[in-house]
């Protein structure tokens, strides 16, 4: 099995002074996933988690940059989500539609 995370949509939500200081742009991602093969949402060392896979995918998309993410909620092992909201601070401004397309291809 190769469980995936589906990016439903990405929206630029704000450019704050903190974002400007760190040269980042804040996005809201709406994601869905089958949690059967994940150890929950939150990153855990040496475990396959939704947040860990999302960070890894975004790191590949943004040439090795660490992408801070924050989930609006968490799920436990084996729990599915449809419409979970994630905040991500990206190193550049990108079209939300293009970002969703690119991340879903990876």
N, C-alpha and C. Protein backbone atom coordinates (compact mmCIF):
# COMPACT_ATOMS: atom_id res chain seq x y z
N UNK A 1 0.84 -1.19 0.00
CA UNK A 1 0.00 0.00 0.00
C UNK A 1 0.87 1.25 0.00
N UNK A 2 0.42 2.24 -0.69
CA UNK A 2 1.09 3.53 -0.68
C UNK A 2 0.06 4.60 -0.36
N UNK A 3 -0.24 4.80 0.93
CA UNK A 3 -1.27 5.78 1.29
C UNK A 3 -0.87 7.18 0.87
N UNK A 4 -1.82 7.96 0.44
CA UNK A 4 -1.49 9.30 0.05
C UNK A 4 -2.31 10.34 0.78
N UNK A 5 -1.76 11.53 0.69
CA UNK A 5 -2.43 12.69 1.24
C UNK A 5 -2.88 13.49 0.02
N UNK A 6 -4.11 13.88 -0.02
CA UNK A 6 -4.63 14.65 -1.14
C UNK A 6 -4.74 16.11 -0.69
N UNK A 7 -4.11 16.99 -1.45
CA UNK A 7 -4.24 18.42 -1.18
C UNK A 7 -5.50 18.88 -1.90
N UNK A 8 -6.51 19.27 -1.16
CA UNK A 8 -7.77 19.69 -1.76
C UNK A 8 -7.65 21.11 -2.30
N UNK A 9 -7.08 22.01 -1.51
CA UNK A 9 -6.86 23.37 -2.01
C UNK A 9 -5.80 24.05 -1.16
N UNK A 10 -5.19 25.06 -1.74
CA UNK A 10 -4.18 25.87 -1.05
C UNK A 10 -4.55 27.33 -1.28
N UNK A 11 -4.50 28.12 -0.22
CA UNK A 11 -4.87 29.53 -0.32
C UNK A 11 -3.83 30.36 0.41
N UNK A 12 -3.32 31.40 -0.25
CA UNK A 12 -2.45 32.36 0.42
C UNK A 12 -3.31 33.10 1.43
N UNK A 13 -2.91 33.05 2.71
CA UNK A 13 -3.79 33.70 3.70
C UNK A 13 -3.21 34.99 4.26
N UNK A 14 -1.89 35.11 4.33
CA UNK A 14 -1.37 36.36 4.86
C UNK A 14 0.13 36.45 4.69
N UNK A 15 0.58 37.67 4.66
CA UNK A 15 2.00 37.94 4.73
C UNK A 15 2.16 38.85 5.94
N UNK A 16 2.59 38.29 7.07
CA UNK A 16 2.72 39.04 8.31
C UNK A 16 4.13 39.61 8.43
N UNK A 17 4.33 40.46 9.42
CA UNK A 17 5.68 41.00 9.65
C UNK A 17 6.64 39.87 9.99
N UNK A 18 6.14 38.86 10.70
CA UNK A 18 6.99 37.70 11.01
C UNK A 18 7.36 36.98 9.72
N UNK A 19 6.39 36.82 8.82
CA UNK A 19 6.66 36.19 7.53
C UNK A 19 7.68 37.00 6.75
N UNK A 20 7.52 38.33 6.75
CA UNK A 20 8.47 39.18 6.02
C UNK A 20 9.87 39.04 6.60
N UNK A 21 9.97 39.00 7.92
CA UNK A 21 11.28 38.87 8.57
C UNK A 21 11.94 37.54 8.24
N UNK A 22 11.11 36.50 8.06
CA UNK A 22 11.65 35.17 7.77
C UNK A 22 11.60 34.84 6.28
N UNK A 23 11.19 35.82 5.45
CA UNK A 23 11.06 35.60 4.00
C UNK A 23 10.16 34.43 3.68
N UNK A 24 9.00 34.38 4.31
CA UNK A 24 8.04 33.31 4.05
C UNK A 24 6.67 33.88 3.72
N UNK A 25 5.84 33.04 3.16
CA UNK A 25 4.46 33.39 2.83
C UNK A 25 3.57 32.32 3.46
N UNK A 26 2.54 32.74 4.17
CA UNK A 26 1.68 31.79 4.89
C UNK A 26 0.51 31.33 4.02
N UNK A 27 0.33 30.00 3.99
CA UNK A 27 -0.75 29.39 3.21
C UNK A 27 -1.62 28.54 4.12
N UNK A 28 -2.88 28.41 3.72
CA UNK A 28 -3.80 27.47 4.37
C UNK A 28 -4.01 26.33 3.37
N UNK A 29 -3.73 25.11 3.79
CA UNK A 29 -3.95 23.94 2.96
C UNK A 29 -5.11 23.16 3.54
N UNK A 30 -5.96 22.67 2.69
CA UNK A 30 -7.05 21.80 3.10
C UNK A 30 -6.69 20.42 2.56
N UNK A 31 -6.54 19.44 3.46
CA UNK A 31 -6.07 18.12 3.04
C UNK A 31 -7.05 17.02 3.44
N UNK A 32 -6.92 15.89 2.76
CA UNK A 32 -7.69 14.70 3.07
C UNK A 32 -6.76 13.51 3.00
N UNK A 33 -7.00 12.51 3.84
CA UNK A 33 -6.16 11.31 3.80
C UNK A 33 -6.85 10.12 4.44
N UNK A 34 -6.41 8.96 4.00
CA UNK A 34 -6.81 7.69 4.60
C UNK A 34 -5.73 7.41 5.64
N UNK A 35 -6.09 7.43 6.89
CA UNK A 35 -5.10 7.31 7.97
C UNK A 35 -4.70 5.88 8.31
N UNK A 36 -5.18 4.90 7.55
CA UNK A 36 -4.93 3.49 7.88
C UNK A 36 -3.46 3.16 8.11
N UNK A 37 -2.57 3.72 7.29
CA UNK A 37 -1.15 3.39 7.40
C UNK A 37 -0.32 4.52 7.98
N UNK A 38 -0.95 5.43 8.71
CA UNK A 38 -0.24 6.53 9.36
C UNK A 38 -0.34 6.38 10.88
N UNK A 39 0.70 6.83 11.57
CA UNK A 39 0.71 6.84 13.04
C UNK A 39 0.17 8.18 13.53
N UNK A 40 -0.94 8.63 12.94
CA UNK A 40 -1.56 9.88 13.34
C UNK A 40 -1.05 11.07 12.55
N UNK A 41 -1.51 12.26 12.96
CA UNK A 41 -1.13 13.50 12.28
C UNK A 41 0.26 13.96 12.67
N UNK A 42 0.52 14.12 13.95
CA UNK A 42 1.71 14.83 14.43
C UNK A 42 3.00 14.07 14.16
N UNK A 43 4.03 14.82 13.74
CA UNK A 43 5.35 14.25 13.45
C UNK A 43 5.84 13.45 14.66
N UNK A 44 6.36 12.26 14.39
CA UNK A 44 6.99 11.42 15.42
C UNK A 44 8.25 10.81 14.82
N UNK A 45 9.32 10.90 15.52
CA UNK A 45 10.59 10.36 15.04
C UNK A 45 10.45 8.86 14.74
N UNK A 46 10.90 8.45 13.56
CA UNK A 46 10.90 7.06 13.11
C UNK A 46 9.51 6.45 12.92
N UNK A 47 8.48 7.29 12.81
CA UNK A 47 7.13 6.78 12.52
C UNK A 47 6.58 7.54 11.33
N UNK A 48 5.76 6.88 10.54
CA UNK A 48 5.15 7.50 9.36
C UNK A 48 3.90 8.23 9.79
N UNK A 49 3.97 9.56 9.76
CA UNK A 49 2.83 10.38 10.15
C UNK A 49 2.42 11.27 8.99
N UNK A 50 1.22 11.79 9.05
CA UNK A 50 0.72 12.68 8.00
C UNK A 50 1.59 13.93 7.93
N UNK A 51 1.85 14.56 9.06
CA UNK A 51 2.66 15.78 9.08
C UNK A 51 4.06 15.49 8.55
N UNK A 52 4.64 14.37 8.94
CA UNK A 52 5.98 14.01 8.47
C UNK A 52 6.04 13.84 6.97
N UNK A 53 5.04 13.17 6.39
CA UNK A 53 5.00 12.97 4.93
C UNK A 53 4.77 14.30 4.23
N UNK A 54 3.90 15.14 4.77
CA UNK A 54 3.63 16.44 4.17
C UNK A 54 4.89 17.32 4.18
N UNK A 55 5.60 17.36 5.30
CA UNK A 55 6.83 18.14 5.40
C UNK A 55 7.87 17.62 4.41
N UNK A 56 8.02 16.32 4.34
CA UNK A 56 8.97 15.70 3.43
C UNK A 56 8.65 16.04 1.97
N UNK A 57 7.38 15.98 1.61
CA UNK A 57 6.95 16.30 0.25
C UNK A 57 7.23 17.76 -0.07
N UNK A 58 6.91 18.65 0.87
CA UNK A 58 7.14 20.07 0.63
C UNK A 58 8.64 20.39 0.59
N UNK A 59 9.42 19.68 1.37
CA UNK A 59 10.88 19.88 1.33
C UNK A 59 11.41 19.55 -0.06
N UNK A 60 10.90 18.47 -0.67
CA UNK A 60 11.31 18.12 -2.05
C UNK A 60 10.87 19.20 -3.02
N UNK A 61 9.64 19.69 -2.88
CA UNK A 61 9.11 20.71 -3.79
C UNK A 61 9.87 22.02 -3.69
N UNK A 62 10.31 22.37 -2.48
CA UNK A 62 10.98 23.66 -2.25
C UNK A 62 12.49 23.49 -2.02
N UNK A 63 13.08 22.58 -2.76
CA UNK A 63 14.54 22.42 -2.83
C UNK A 63 15.24 22.33 -1.48
N UNK A 64 14.70 21.53 -0.59
CA UNK A 64 15.35 21.27 0.69
C UNK A 64 15.02 22.23 1.81
N UNK A 65 14.24 23.28 1.54
CA UNK A 65 13.84 24.21 2.61
C UNK A 65 12.94 23.48 3.60
N UNK A 66 13.17 23.74 4.88
CA UNK A 66 12.26 23.21 5.90
C UNK A 66 11.00 24.06 5.86
N UNK A 67 9.84 23.41 5.79
CA UNK A 67 8.56 24.11 5.73
C UNK A 67 7.81 23.87 7.04
N UNK A 68 7.74 24.89 7.91
CA UNK A 68 6.98 24.73 9.15
C UNK A 68 5.49 24.53 8.85
N UNK A 69 4.89 23.55 9.51
CA UNK A 69 3.46 23.30 9.34
C UNK A 69 2.79 23.22 10.71
N UNK A 70 1.52 23.57 10.73
CA UNK A 70 0.75 23.52 11.96
C UNK A 70 -0.66 23.06 11.59
N UNK A 71 -1.07 21.94 12.16
CA UNK A 71 -2.41 21.42 11.89
C UNK A 71 -3.43 22.06 12.82
N UNK A 72 -4.63 22.30 12.30
CA UNK A 72 -5.70 22.87 13.12
C UNK A 72 -6.22 21.84 14.12
N UNK A 73 -5.94 20.56 13.83
CA UNK A 73 -6.34 19.49 14.74
C UNK A 73 -5.38 18.33 14.52
N UNK A 74 -5.54 17.30 15.32
CA UNK A 74 -4.69 16.12 15.17
C UNK A 74 -5.57 14.90 15.06
N UNK A 75 -5.02 13.87 14.42
CA UNK A 75 -5.72 12.59 14.38
C UNK A 75 -4.83 11.53 15.00
N UNK A 76 -5.44 10.49 15.49
CA UNK A 76 -4.72 9.37 16.08
C UNK A 76 -4.36 8.36 14.99
N UNK A 77 -3.62 7.34 15.38
CA UNK A 77 -3.25 6.27 14.46
C UNK A 77 -4.50 5.68 13.82
N UNK A 78 -4.45 5.53 12.49
CA UNK A 78 -5.53 4.89 11.76
C UNK A 78 -6.76 5.74 11.48
N UNK A 79 -6.76 7.00 11.92
CA UNK A 79 -7.93 7.86 11.74
C UNK A 79 -7.81 8.62 10.42
N UNK A 80 -8.91 8.70 9.68
CA UNK A 80 -8.95 9.39 8.40
C UNK A 80 -9.36 10.85 8.60
N UNK A 81 -9.07 11.66 7.58
CA UNK A 81 -9.51 13.06 7.62
C UNK A 81 -9.98 13.48 6.24
N UNK A 82 -10.96 14.35 6.25
CA UNK A 82 -11.48 14.91 5.00
C UNK A 82 -11.73 16.39 5.28
N UNK A 83 -10.78 17.22 4.87
CA UNK A 83 -10.93 18.65 5.09
C UNK A 83 -10.14 19.17 6.27
N UNK A 84 -9.06 18.49 6.66
CA UNK A 84 -8.21 19.00 7.75
C UNK A 84 -7.47 20.24 7.26
N UNK A 85 -7.36 21.24 8.10
CA UNK A 85 -6.69 22.49 7.73
C UNK A 85 -5.27 22.50 8.31
N UNK A 86 -4.34 22.90 7.45
CA UNK A 86 -2.92 22.97 7.82
C UNK A 86 -2.39 24.34 7.42
N UNK A 87 -1.63 24.96 8.32
CA UNK A 87 -0.94 26.21 8.00
C UNK A 87 0.48 25.84 7.60
N UNK A 88 0.97 26.44 6.52
CA UNK A 88 2.35 26.20 6.06
C UNK A 88 2.98 27.53 5.68
N UNK A 89 4.20 27.76 6.16
CA UNK A 89 4.95 28.97 5.81
C UNK A 89 5.95 28.60 4.73
N UNK A 90 5.68 29.06 3.50
CA UNK A 90 6.48 28.68 2.34
C UNK A 90 7.53 29.74 2.03
N UNK A 91 8.64 29.34 1.40
CA UNK A 91 9.71 30.28 1.12
C UNK A 91 9.45 31.20 -0.07
N UNK A 92 8.34 31.04 -0.75
CA UNK A 92 8.01 31.90 -1.89
C UNK A 92 6.51 31.89 -2.14
N UNK A 93 6.04 32.91 -2.84
CA UNK A 93 4.63 32.95 -3.20
C UNK A 93 4.40 32.09 -4.43
N UNK A 94 3.36 31.26 -4.37
CA UNK A 94 3.02 30.35 -5.45
C UNK A 94 1.50 30.38 -5.59
N UNK A 95 1.01 30.17 -6.80
CA UNK A 95 -0.43 30.05 -6.99
C UNK A 95 -0.93 28.86 -6.18
N UNK A 96 -2.01 29.04 -5.44
CA UNK A 96 -2.56 27.95 -4.64
C UNK A 96 -2.93 26.75 -5.48
N UNK A 97 -3.51 27.00 -6.64
CA UNK A 97 -3.91 25.91 -7.54
C UNK A 97 -2.67 25.16 -8.04
N UNK A 98 -1.64 25.89 -8.40
CA UNK A 98 -0.40 25.28 -8.88
C UNK A 98 0.26 24.47 -7.76
N UNK A 99 0.28 25.02 -6.55
CA UNK A 99 0.88 24.32 -5.41
C UNK A 99 0.16 23.02 -5.14
N UNK A 100 -1.16 23.04 -5.10
CA UNK A 100 -1.93 21.81 -4.87
C UNK A 100 -1.62 20.78 -5.95
N UNK A 101 -1.57 21.21 -7.19
CA UNK A 101 -1.28 20.30 -8.31
C UNK A 101 0.11 19.68 -8.15
N UNK A 102 1.11 20.52 -7.85
CA UNK A 102 2.48 20.03 -7.72
C UNK A 102 2.63 19.06 -6.54
N UNK A 103 2.06 19.39 -5.39
CA UNK A 103 2.19 18.51 -4.23
C UNK A 103 1.45 17.20 -4.46
N UNK A 104 0.31 17.23 -5.11
CA UNK A 104 -0.44 16.00 -5.37
C UNK A 104 0.31 15.09 -6.35
N UNK A 105 1.11 15.66 -7.24
CA UNK A 105 1.90 14.85 -8.18
C UNK A 105 3.04 14.13 -7.49
N UNK A 106 3.52 14.67 -6.38
CA UNK A 106 4.69 14.09 -5.72
C UNK A 106 4.23 12.91 -4.90
